[in-house]
Amino acid sequence: SQGVQAQSISVFHIAKERGLTIIPVLNKVD
């Protein structure tokens, strides 16, 4: 319901730099 927020973006880039496999999950779909 809220969508992508600033904090997720910065942590995503840290994870990408470390070469982690990312699994996207959408929560609160109900």
Full PDB file with SEQRES, HELIX, SHEET, SSBOND, CRYST1, ORIGX, SCALE, CONECT and MASTER records, all heavy atoms in Angstrom:
SEQRES   1 A   30  SER GLN GLY VAL GLN ALA GLN SER ILE SER VAL PHE HIS          
SEQRES   2 A   30  ILE ALA LYS GLU ARG GLY LEU THR ILE ILE PRO VAL LEU          
SEQRES   3 A   30  ASN LYS VAL ASP                                              
HELIX    1 AA1 ALA A    6  GLU A   17  1                                  12    
CRYST1    1.000    1.000    1.000  90.00  90.00  90.00 P 1           1          
ORIGX1      1.000000  0.000000  0.000000        0.00000                         
ORIGX2      0.000000  1.000000  0.000000        0.00000                         
ORIGX3      0.000000  0.000000  1.000000        0.00000                         
SCALE1      1.000000  0.000000  0.000000        0.00000                         
SCALE2      0.000000  1.000000  0.000000        0.00000                         
SCALE3      0.000000  0.000000  1.000000        0.00000                         
ATOM      1  N   SER A   1       0.835  -1.209   0.000  1.00  0.00           N  
ATOM      2  CA  SER A   1       0.000   0.000   0.000  1.00  0.00           C  
ATOM      3  C   SER A   1       0.869   1.257   0.000  1.00  0.00           C  
ATOM      4  O   SER A   1       0.523   2.266  -0.591  1.00  0.00           O  
ATOM      5  CB  SER A   1      -0.951   0.010   1.201  1.00  0.00           C  
ATOM      6  OG  SER A   1      -0.203  -0.090   2.394  1.00  0.00           O  
ATOM      7  N   GLN A   2       2.053   1.205   0.661  1.00  0.00           N  
ATOM      8  CA  GLN A   2       2.904   2.403   0.740  1.00  0.00           C  
ATOM      9  C   GLN A   2       3.910   2.505  -0.395  1.00  0.00           C  
ATOM     10  O   GLN A   2       4.381   3.587  -0.724  1.00  0.00           O  
ATOM     11  CB  GLN A   2       3.663   2.425   2.068  1.00  0.00           C  
ATOM     12  CG  GLN A   2       2.765   2.640   3.264  1.00  0.00           C  
ATOM     13  CD  GLN A   2       3.567   2.739   4.551  1.00  0.00           C  
ATOM     14  OE1 GLN A   2       4.784   2.788   4.536  1.00  0.00           O  
ATOM     15  NE2 GLN A   2       2.876   2.773   5.668  1.00  0.00           N  
ATOM     16  N   GLY A   3       4.303   1.358  -0.951  1.00  0.00           N  
ATOM     17  CA  GLY A   3       5.264   1.395  -2.054  1.00  0.00           C  
ATOM     18  C   GLY A   3       6.704   1.524  -1.581  1.00  0.00           C  
ATOM     19  O   GLY A   3       7.001   1.456  -0.391  1.00  0.00           O  
ATOM     20  N   VAL A   4       7.585   1.728  -2.553  1.00  0.00           N  
ATOM     21  CA  VAL A   4       9.028   1.798  -2.264  1.00  0.00           C  
ATOM     22  C   VAL A   4       9.331   3.033  -1.428  1.00  0.00           C  
ATOM     23  O   VAL A   4       8.880   4.127  -1.744  1.00  0.00           O  
ATOM     24  CB  VAL A   4       9.824   1.853  -3.588  1.00  0.00           C  
ATOM     25  CG1 VAL A   4      11.307   1.998  -3.311  1.00  0.00           C  
ATOM     26  CG2 VAL A   4       9.558   0.606  -4.411  1.00  0.00           C  
ATOM     27  N   GLN A   5      10.094   2.855  -0.338  1.00  0.00           N  
ATOM     28  CA  GLN A   5      10.468   3.986   0.514  1.00  0.00           C  
ATOM     29  C   GLN A   5      11.980   4.183   0.477  1.00  0.00           C  
ATOM     30  O   GLN A   5      12.726   3.285   0.083  1.00  0.00           O  
ATOM     31  CB  GLN A   5      10.016   3.725   1.958  1.00  0.00           C  
ATOM     32  CG  GLN A   5       8.520   3.488   2.108  1.00  0.00           C  
ATOM     33  CD  GLN A   5       7.706   4.760   2.004  1.00  0.00           C  
ATOM     34  OE1 GLN A   5       8.185   5.838   2.310  1.00  0.00           O  
ATOM     35  NE2 GLN A   5       6.474   4.663   1.555  1.00  0.00           N  
ATOM     36  N   ALA A   6      12.401   5.372   0.930  1.00  0.00           N  
ATOM     37  CA  ALA A   6      13.810   5.770   0.798  1.00  0.00           C  
ATOM     38  C   ALA A   6      14.776   4.768   1.432  1.00  0.00           C  
ATOM     39  O   ALA A   6      15.829   4.467   0.876  1.00  0.00           O  
ATOM     40  CB  ALA A   6      14.002   7.149   1.426  1.00  0.00           C  
ATOM     41  N   GLN A   7      14.427   4.255   2.610  1.00  0.00           N  
ATOM     42  CA  GLN A   7      15.354   3.371   3.323  1.00  0.00           C  
ATOM     43  C   GLN A   7      15.625   2.083   2.541  1.00  0.00           C  
ATOM     44  O   GLN A   7      16.745   1.608   2.477  1.00  0.00           O  
ATOM     45  CB  GLN A   7      14.761   3.037   4.691  1.00  0.00           C  
ATOM     46  CG  GLN A   7      15.670   2.228   5.578  1.00  0.00           C  
ATOM     47  CD  GLN A   7      16.902   3.000   5.973  1.00  0.00           C  
ATOM     48  OE1 GLN A   7      16.840   4.197   6.156  1.00  0.00           O  
ATOM     49  NE2 GLN A   7      18.016   2.336   6.068  1.00  0.00           N  
ATOM     50  N   SER A   8      14.552   1.539   1.910  1.00  0.00           N  
ATOM     51  CA  SER A   8      14.724   0.292   1.154  1.00  0.00           C  
ATOM     52  C   SER A   8      15.706   0.497   0.011  1.00  0.00           C  
ATOM     53  O   SER A   8      16.493  -0.387  -0.314  1.00  0.00           O  
ATOM     54  CB  SER A   8      13.384  -0.180   0.578  1.00  0.00           C  
ATOM     55  OG  SER A   8      12.366  -0.043   1.531  1.00  0.00           O  
ATOM     56  N   ILE A   9      15.670   1.691  -0.600  1.00  0.00           N  
ATOM     57  CA  ILE A   9      16.549   1.953  -1.756  1.00  0.00           C  
ATOM     58  C   ILE A   9      18.006   1.911  -1.335  1.00  0.00           C  
ATOM     59  O   ILE A   9      18.829   1.250  -1.962  1.00  0.00           O  
ATOM     60  CB  ILE A   9      16.192   3.323  -2.394  1.00  0.00           C  
ATOM     61  CG1 ILE A   9      14.792   3.275  -2.990  1.00  0.00           C  
ATOM     62  CG2 ILE A   9      17.209   3.686  -3.470  1.00  0.00           C  
ATOM     63  CD1 ILE A   9      14.307   4.585  -3.582  1.00  0.00           C  
ATOM     64  N   SER A  10      18.341   2.584  -0.219  1.00  0.00           N  
ATOM     65  CA  SER A  10      19.756   2.646   0.164  1.00  0.00           C  
ATOM     66  C   SER A  10      20.272   1.274   0.597  1.00  0.00           C  
ATOM     67  O   SER A  10      21.386   0.887   0.264  1.00  0.00           O  
ATOM     68  CB  SER A  10      19.970   3.680   1.272  1.00  0.00           C  
ATOM     69  OG  SER A  10      19.337   3.261   2.443  1.00  0.00           O  
ATOM     70  N   VAL A  11      19.445   0.499   1.331  1.00  0.00           N  
ATOM     71  CA  VAL A  11      19.903  -0.826   1.767  1.00  0.00           C  
ATOM     72  C   VAL A  11      20.004  -1.772   0.575  1.00  0.00           C  
ATOM     73  O   VAL A  11      20.904  -2.608   0.507  1.00  0.00           O  
ATOM     74  CB  VAL A  11      18.971  -1.415   2.854  1.00  0.00           C  
ATOM     75  CG1 VAL A  11      19.483  -2.758   3.336  1.00  0.00           C  
ATOM     76  CG2 VAL A  11      18.861  -0.468   4.031  1.00  0.00           C  
ATOM     77  N   PHE A  12      19.087  -1.612  -0.397  1.00  0.00           N  
ATOM     78  CA  PHE A  12      19.129  -2.438  -1.612  1.00  0.00           C  
ATOM     79  C   PHE A  12      20.483  -2.270  -2.306  1.00  0.00           C  
ATOM     80  O   PHE A  12      21.102  -3.241  -2.739  1.00  0.00           O  
ATOM     81  CB  PHE A  12      17.985  -2.025  -2.549  1.00  0.00           C  
ATOM     82  CG  PHE A  12      18.056  -2.673  -3.916  1.00  0.00           C  
ATOM     83  CD1 PHE A  12      17.596  -3.966  -4.105  1.00  0.00           C  
ATOM     84  CD2 PHE A  12      18.595  -1.990  -5.001  1.00  0.00           C  
ATOM     85  CE1 PHE A  12      17.669  -4.564  -5.368  1.00  0.00           C  
ATOM     86  CE2 PHE A  12      18.670  -2.578  -6.253  1.00  0.00           C  
ATOM     87  CZ  PHE A  12      18.202  -3.870  -6.439  1.00  0.00           C  
ATOM     88  N   HIS A  13      20.953  -1.016  -2.397  1.00  0.00           N  
ATOM     89  CA  HIS A  13      22.239  -0.779  -3.074  1.00  0.00           C  
ATOM     90  C   HIS A  13      23.411  -1.391  -2.306  1.00  0.00           C  
ATOM     91  O   HIS A  13      24.351  -1.902  -2.912  1.00  0.00           O  
ATOM     92  CB  HIS A  13      22.453   0.717  -3.316  1.00  0.00           C  
ATOM     93  CG  HIS A  13      21.520   1.270  -4.362  1.00  0.00           C  
ATOM     94  ND1 HIS A  13      21.412   0.702  -5.613  1.00  0.00           N  
ATOM     95  CD2 HIS A  13      20.626   2.290  -4.343  1.00  0.00           C  
ATOM     96  CE1 HIS A  13      20.503   1.364  -6.323  1.00  0.00           C  
ATOM     97  NE2 HIS A  13      20.006   2.334  -5.569  1.00  0.00           N  
ATOM     98  N   ILE A  14      23.350  -1.345  -0.952  1.00  0.00           N  
ATOM     99  CA  ILE A  14      24.410  -1.982  -0.149  1.00  0.00           C  
ATOM    100  C   ILE A  14      24.425  -3.484  -0.449  1.00  0.00           C  
ATOM    101  O   ILE A  14      25.478  -4.086  -0.660  1.00  0.00           O  
ATOM    102  CB  ILE A  14      24.173  -1.767   1.370  1.00  0.00           C  
ATOM    103  CG1 ILE A  14      24.226  -0.280   1.729  1.00  0.00           C  
ATOM    104  CG2 ILE A  14      25.188  -2.532   2.212  1.00  0.00           C  
ATOM    105  CD1 ILE A  14      23.840   0.038   3.174  1.00  0.00           C  
ATOM    106  N   ALA A  15      23.224  -4.101  -0.518  1.00  0.00           N  
ATOM    107  CA  ALA A  15      23.121  -5.540  -0.754  1.00  0.00           C  
ATOM    108  C   ALA A  15      23.624  -5.898  -2.148  1.00  0.00           C  
ATOM    109  O   ALA A  15      24.322  -6.896  -2.346  1.00  0.00           O  
ATOM    110  CB  ALA A  15      21.673  -5.990  -0.579  1.00  0.00           C  
ATOM    111  N   LYS A  16      23.275  -5.049  -3.133  1.00  0.00           N  
ATOM    112  CA  LYS A  16      23.706  -5.297  -4.517  1.00  0.00           C  
ATOM    113  C   LYS A  16      25.234  -5.242  -4.621  1.00  0.00           C  
ATOM    114  O   LYS A  16      25.862  -6.062  -5.293  1.00  0.00           O  
ATOM    115  CB  LYS A  16      23.094  -4.245  -5.451  1.00  0.00           C  
ATOM    116  CG  LYS A  16      21.835  -4.716  -6.164  1.00  0.00           C  
ATOM    117  CD  LYS A  16      22.139  -5.858  -7.099  1.00  0.00           C  
ATOM    118  CE  LYS A  16      20.997  -6.307  -7.973  1.00  0.00           C  
ATOM    119  NZ  LYS A  16      20.935  -7.773  -8.071  1.00  0.00           N  
ATOM    120  N   GLU A  17      25.843  -4.221  -3.938  1.00  0.00           N  
ATOM    121  CA  GLU A  17      27.306  -4.100  -3.976  1.00  0.00           C  
ATOM    122  C   GLU A  17      27.979  -5.340  -3.412  1.00  0.00           C  
ATOM    123  O   GLU A  17      29.042  -5.749  -3.848  1.00  0.00           O  
ATOM    124  CB  GLU A  17      27.744  -2.884  -3.143  1.00  0.00           C  
ATOM    125  CG  GLU A  17      27.676  -1.568  -3.899  1.00  0.00           C  
ATOM    126  CD  GLU A  17      27.844  -0.376  -2.965  1.00  0.00           C  
ATOM    127  OE1 GLU A  17      28.565  -0.516  -1.965  1.00  0.00           O  
ATOM    128  OE2 GLU A  17      27.245   0.677  -3.257  1.00  0.00           O  
ATOM    129  N   ARG A  18      27.351  -5.944  -2.393  1.00  0.00           N  
ATOM    130  CA  ARG A  18      27.926  -7.146  -1.763  1.00  0.00           C  
ATOM    131  C   ARG A  18      27.622  -8.405  -2.577  1.00  0.00           C  
ATOM    132  O   ARG A  18      28.006  -9.504  -2.182  1.00  0.00           O  
ATOM    133  CB  ARG A  18      27.393  -7.300  -0.333  1.00  0.00           C  
ATOM    134  CG  ARG A  18      27.935  -6.242   0.604  1.00  0.00           C  
ATOM    135  CD  ARG A  18      27.791  -6.652   2.043  1.00  0.00           C  
ATOM    136  NE  ARG A  18      28.477  -5.735   2.927  1.00  0.00           N  
ATOM    137  CZ  ARG A  18      29.748  -5.860   3.311  1.00  0.00           C  
ATOM    138  NH1 ARG A  18      30.467  -6.849   2.852  1.00  0.00           N  
ATOM    139  NH2 ARG A  18      30.294  -4.996   4.127  1.00  0.00           N  
ATOM    140  N   GLY A  19      26.888  -8.242  -3.688  1.00  0.00           N  
ATOM    141  CA  GLY A  19      26.619  -9.380  -4.569  1.00  0.00           C  
ATOM    142  C   GLY A  19      25.565 -10.342  -4.049  1.00  0.00           C  
ATOM    143  O   GLY A  19      25.582 -11.525  -4.367  1.00  0.00           O  
ATOM    144  N   LEU A  20      24.628  -9.860  -3.237  1.00  0.00           N  
ATOM    145  CA  LEU A  20      23.593 -10.741  -2.689  1.00  0.00           C  
ATOM    146  C   LEU A  20      22.491 -11.003  -3.716  1.00  0.00           C  
ATOM    147  O   LEU A  20      22.201 -10.145  -4.549  1.00  0.00           O  
ATOM    148  CB  LEU A  20      22.961 -10.103  -1.433  1.00  0.00           C  
ATOM    149  CG  LEU A  20      23.605 -10.440  -0.092  1.00  0.00           C  
ATOM    150  CD1 LEU A  20      25.031  -9.931  -0.043  1.00  0.00           C  
ATOM    151  CD2 LEU A  20      22.813  -9.852   1.050  1.00  0.00           C  
ATOM    152  N   THR A  21      21.876 -12.179  -3.627  1.00  0.00           N  
ATOM    153  CA  THR A  21      20.713 -12.497  -4.465  1.00  0.00           C  
ATOM    154  C   THR A  21      19.483 -11.873  -3.804  1.00  0.00           C  
ATOM    155  O   THR A  21      19.229 -12.109  -2.626  1.00  0.00           O  
ATOM    156  CB  THR A  21      20.527 -14.029  -4.549  1.00  0.00           C  
ATOM    157  OG1 THR A  21      21.733 -14.581  -5.049  1.00  0.00           O  
ATOM    158  CG2 THR A  21      19.362 -14.391  -5.449  1.00  0.00           C  
ATOM    159  N   ILE A  22      18.733 -11.082  -4.566  1.00  0.00           N  
ATOM    160  CA  ILE A  22      17.584 -10.373  -3.987  1.00  0.00           C  
ATOM    161  C   ILE A  22      16.281 -11.070  -4.390  1.00  0.00           C  
ATOM    162  O   ILE A  22      16.053 -11.341  -5.571  1.00  0.00           O  
ATOM    163  CB  ILE A  22      17.544  -8.901  -4.490  1.00  0.00           C  
ATOM    164  CG1 ILE A  22      18.885  -8.206  -4.282  1.00  0.00           C  
ATOM    165  CG2 ILE A  22      16.401  -8.141  -3.836  1.00  0.00           C  
ATOM    166  CD1 ILE A  22      19.193  -7.770  -2.889  1.00  0.00           C  
ATOM    167  N   ILE A  23      15.427 -11.361  -3.396  1.00  0.00           N  
ATOM    168  CA  ILE A  23      14.093 -11.921  -3.677  1.00  0.00           C  
ATOM    169  C   ILE A  23      13.060 -10.842  -3.342  1.00  0.00           C  
ATOM    170  O   ILE A  23      12.900 -10.484  -2.165  1.00  0.00           O  
ATOM    171  CB  ILE A  23      13.830 -13.175  -2.822  1.00  0.00           C  
ATOM    172  CG1 ILE A  23      14.864 -14.255  -3.118  1.00  0.00           C  
ATOM    173  CG2 ILE A  23      12.411 -13.693  -3.052  1.00  0.00           C  
ATOM    174  CD1 ILE A  23      14.746 -15.493  -2.254  1.00  0.00           C  
ATOM    175  N   PRO A  24      12.358 -10.277  -4.355  1.00  0.00           N  
ATOM    176  CA  PRO A  24      11.370  -9.219  -4.052  1.00  0.00           C  
ATOM    177  C   PRO A  24      10.086  -9.809  -3.469  1.00  0.00           C  
ATOM    178  O   PRO A  24       9.555 -10.791  -3.987  1.00  0.00           O  
ATOM    179  CB  PRO A  24      11.112  -8.578  -5.421  1.00  0.00           C  
ATOM    180  CG  PRO A  24      11.518  -9.607  -6.422  1.00  0.00           C  
ATOM    181  CD  PRO A  24      12.481 -10.556  -5.792  1.00  0.00           C  
ATOM    182  N   VAL A  25       9.602  -9.224  -2.362  1.00  0.00           N  
ATOM    183  CA  VAL A  25       8.381  -9.703  -1.703  1.00  0.00           C  
ATOM    184  C   VAL A  25       7.462  -8.508  -1.469  1.00  0.00           C  
ATOM    185  O   VAL A  25       7.890  -7.490  -0.931  1.00  0.00           O  
ATOM    186  CB  VAL A  25       8.717 -10.362  -0.341  1.00  0.00           C  
ATOM    187  CG1 VAL A  25       7.449 -10.873   0.329  1.00  0.00           C  
ATOM    188  CG2 VAL A  25       9.715 -11.504  -0.505  1.00  0.00           C  
ATOM    189  N   LEU A  26       6.201  -8.645  -1.879  1.00  0.00           N  
ATOM    190  CA  LEU A  26       5.212  -7.589  -1.617  1.00  0.00           C  
ATOM    191  C   LEU A  26       4.359  -8.017  -0.429  1.00  0.00           C  
ATOM    192  O   LEU A  26       3.690  -9.053  -0.485  1.00  0.00           O  
ATOM    193  CB  LEU A  26       4.321  -7.382  -2.842  1.00  0.00           C  
ATOM    194  CG  LEU A  26       4.877  -6.466  -3.930  1.00  0.00           C  
ATOM    195  CD1 LEU A  26       3.943  -6.443  -5.127  1.00  0.00           C  
ATOM    196  CD2 LEU A  26       5.054  -5.047  -3.414  1.00  0.00           C  
ATOM    197  N   ASN A  27       4.390  -7.237   0.634  1.00  0.00           N  
ATOM    198  CA  ASN A  27       3.658  -7.587   1.858  1.00  0.00           C  
ATOM    199  C   ASN A  27       2.350  -6.786   1.950  1.00  0.00           C  
ATOM    200  O   ASN A  27       2.181  -5.784   1.262  1.00  0.00           O  
ATOM    201  CB  ASN A  27       4.560  -7.285   3.071  1.00  0.00           C  
ATOM    202  CG  ASN A  27       3.990  -7.845   4.355  1.00  0.00           C  
ATOM    203  OD1 ASN A  27       3.120  -8.703   4.330  1.00  0.00           O  
ATOM    204  ND2 ASN A  27       4.463  -7.348   5.474  1.00  0.00           N  
ATOM    205  N   LYS A  28       1.472  -7.221   2.828  1.00  0.00           N  
ATOM    206  CA  LYS A  28       0.186  -6.546   3.126  1.00  0.00           C  
ATOM    207  C   LYS A  28      -0.719  -6.456   1.896  1.00  0.00           C  
ATOM    208  O   LYS A  28      -1.386  -5.434   1.692  1.00  0.00           O  
ATOM    209  CB  LYS A  28       0.430  -5.130   3.707  1.00  0.00           C  
ATOM    210  CG  LYS A  28       1.374  -5.123   4.917  1.00  0.00           C  
ATOM    211  CD  LYS A  28       1.398  -3.781   5.611  1.00  0.00           C  
ATOM    212  CE  LYS A  28       2.459  -3.710   6.690  1.00  0.00           C  
ATOM    213  NZ  LYS A  28       2.515  -2.488   7.415  1.00  0.00           N  
ATOM    214  N   VAL A  29      -0.717  -7.513   1.039  1.00  0.00           N  
ATOM    215  CA  VAL A  29      -1.572  -7.469  -0.158  1.00  0.00           C  
ATOM    216  C   VAL A  29      -3.050  -7.621   0.201  1.00  0.00           C  
ATOM    217  O   VAL A  29      -3.923  -7.398  -0.631  1.00  0.00           O  
ATOM    218  CB  VAL A  29      -1.176  -8.564  -1.186  1.00  0.00           C  
ATOM    219  CG1 VAL A  29       0.173  -8.279  -1.797  1.00  0.00           C  
ATOM    220  CG2 VAL A  29      -1.200  -9.945  -0.560  1.00  0.00           C  
ATOM    221  N   ASP A  30      -3.336  -8.025   1.483  1.00  0.00           N  
ATOM    222  CA  ASP A  30      -4.737  -8.198   1.869  1.00  0.00           C  
ATOM    223  C   ASP A  30      -5.383  -6.895   2.329  1.00  0.00           C  
ATOM    224  O   ASP A  30      -6.573  -6.855   2.618  1.00  0.00           O  
ATOM    225  CB  ASP A  30      -4.845  -9.241   2.997  1.00  0.00           C  
ATOM    226  CG  ASP A  30      -3.970  -8.858   4.198  1.00  0.00           C  
ATOM    227  OD1 ASP A  30      -2.982  -8.118   3.982  1.00  0.00           O  
ATOM    228  OD2 ASP A  30      -4.263  -9.288   5.326  1.00  0.00           O  
TER     229      ASP A  30                                                      
MASTER        0    0    0    1    0    0    0    6  228    1    0    3          
END                                                                             
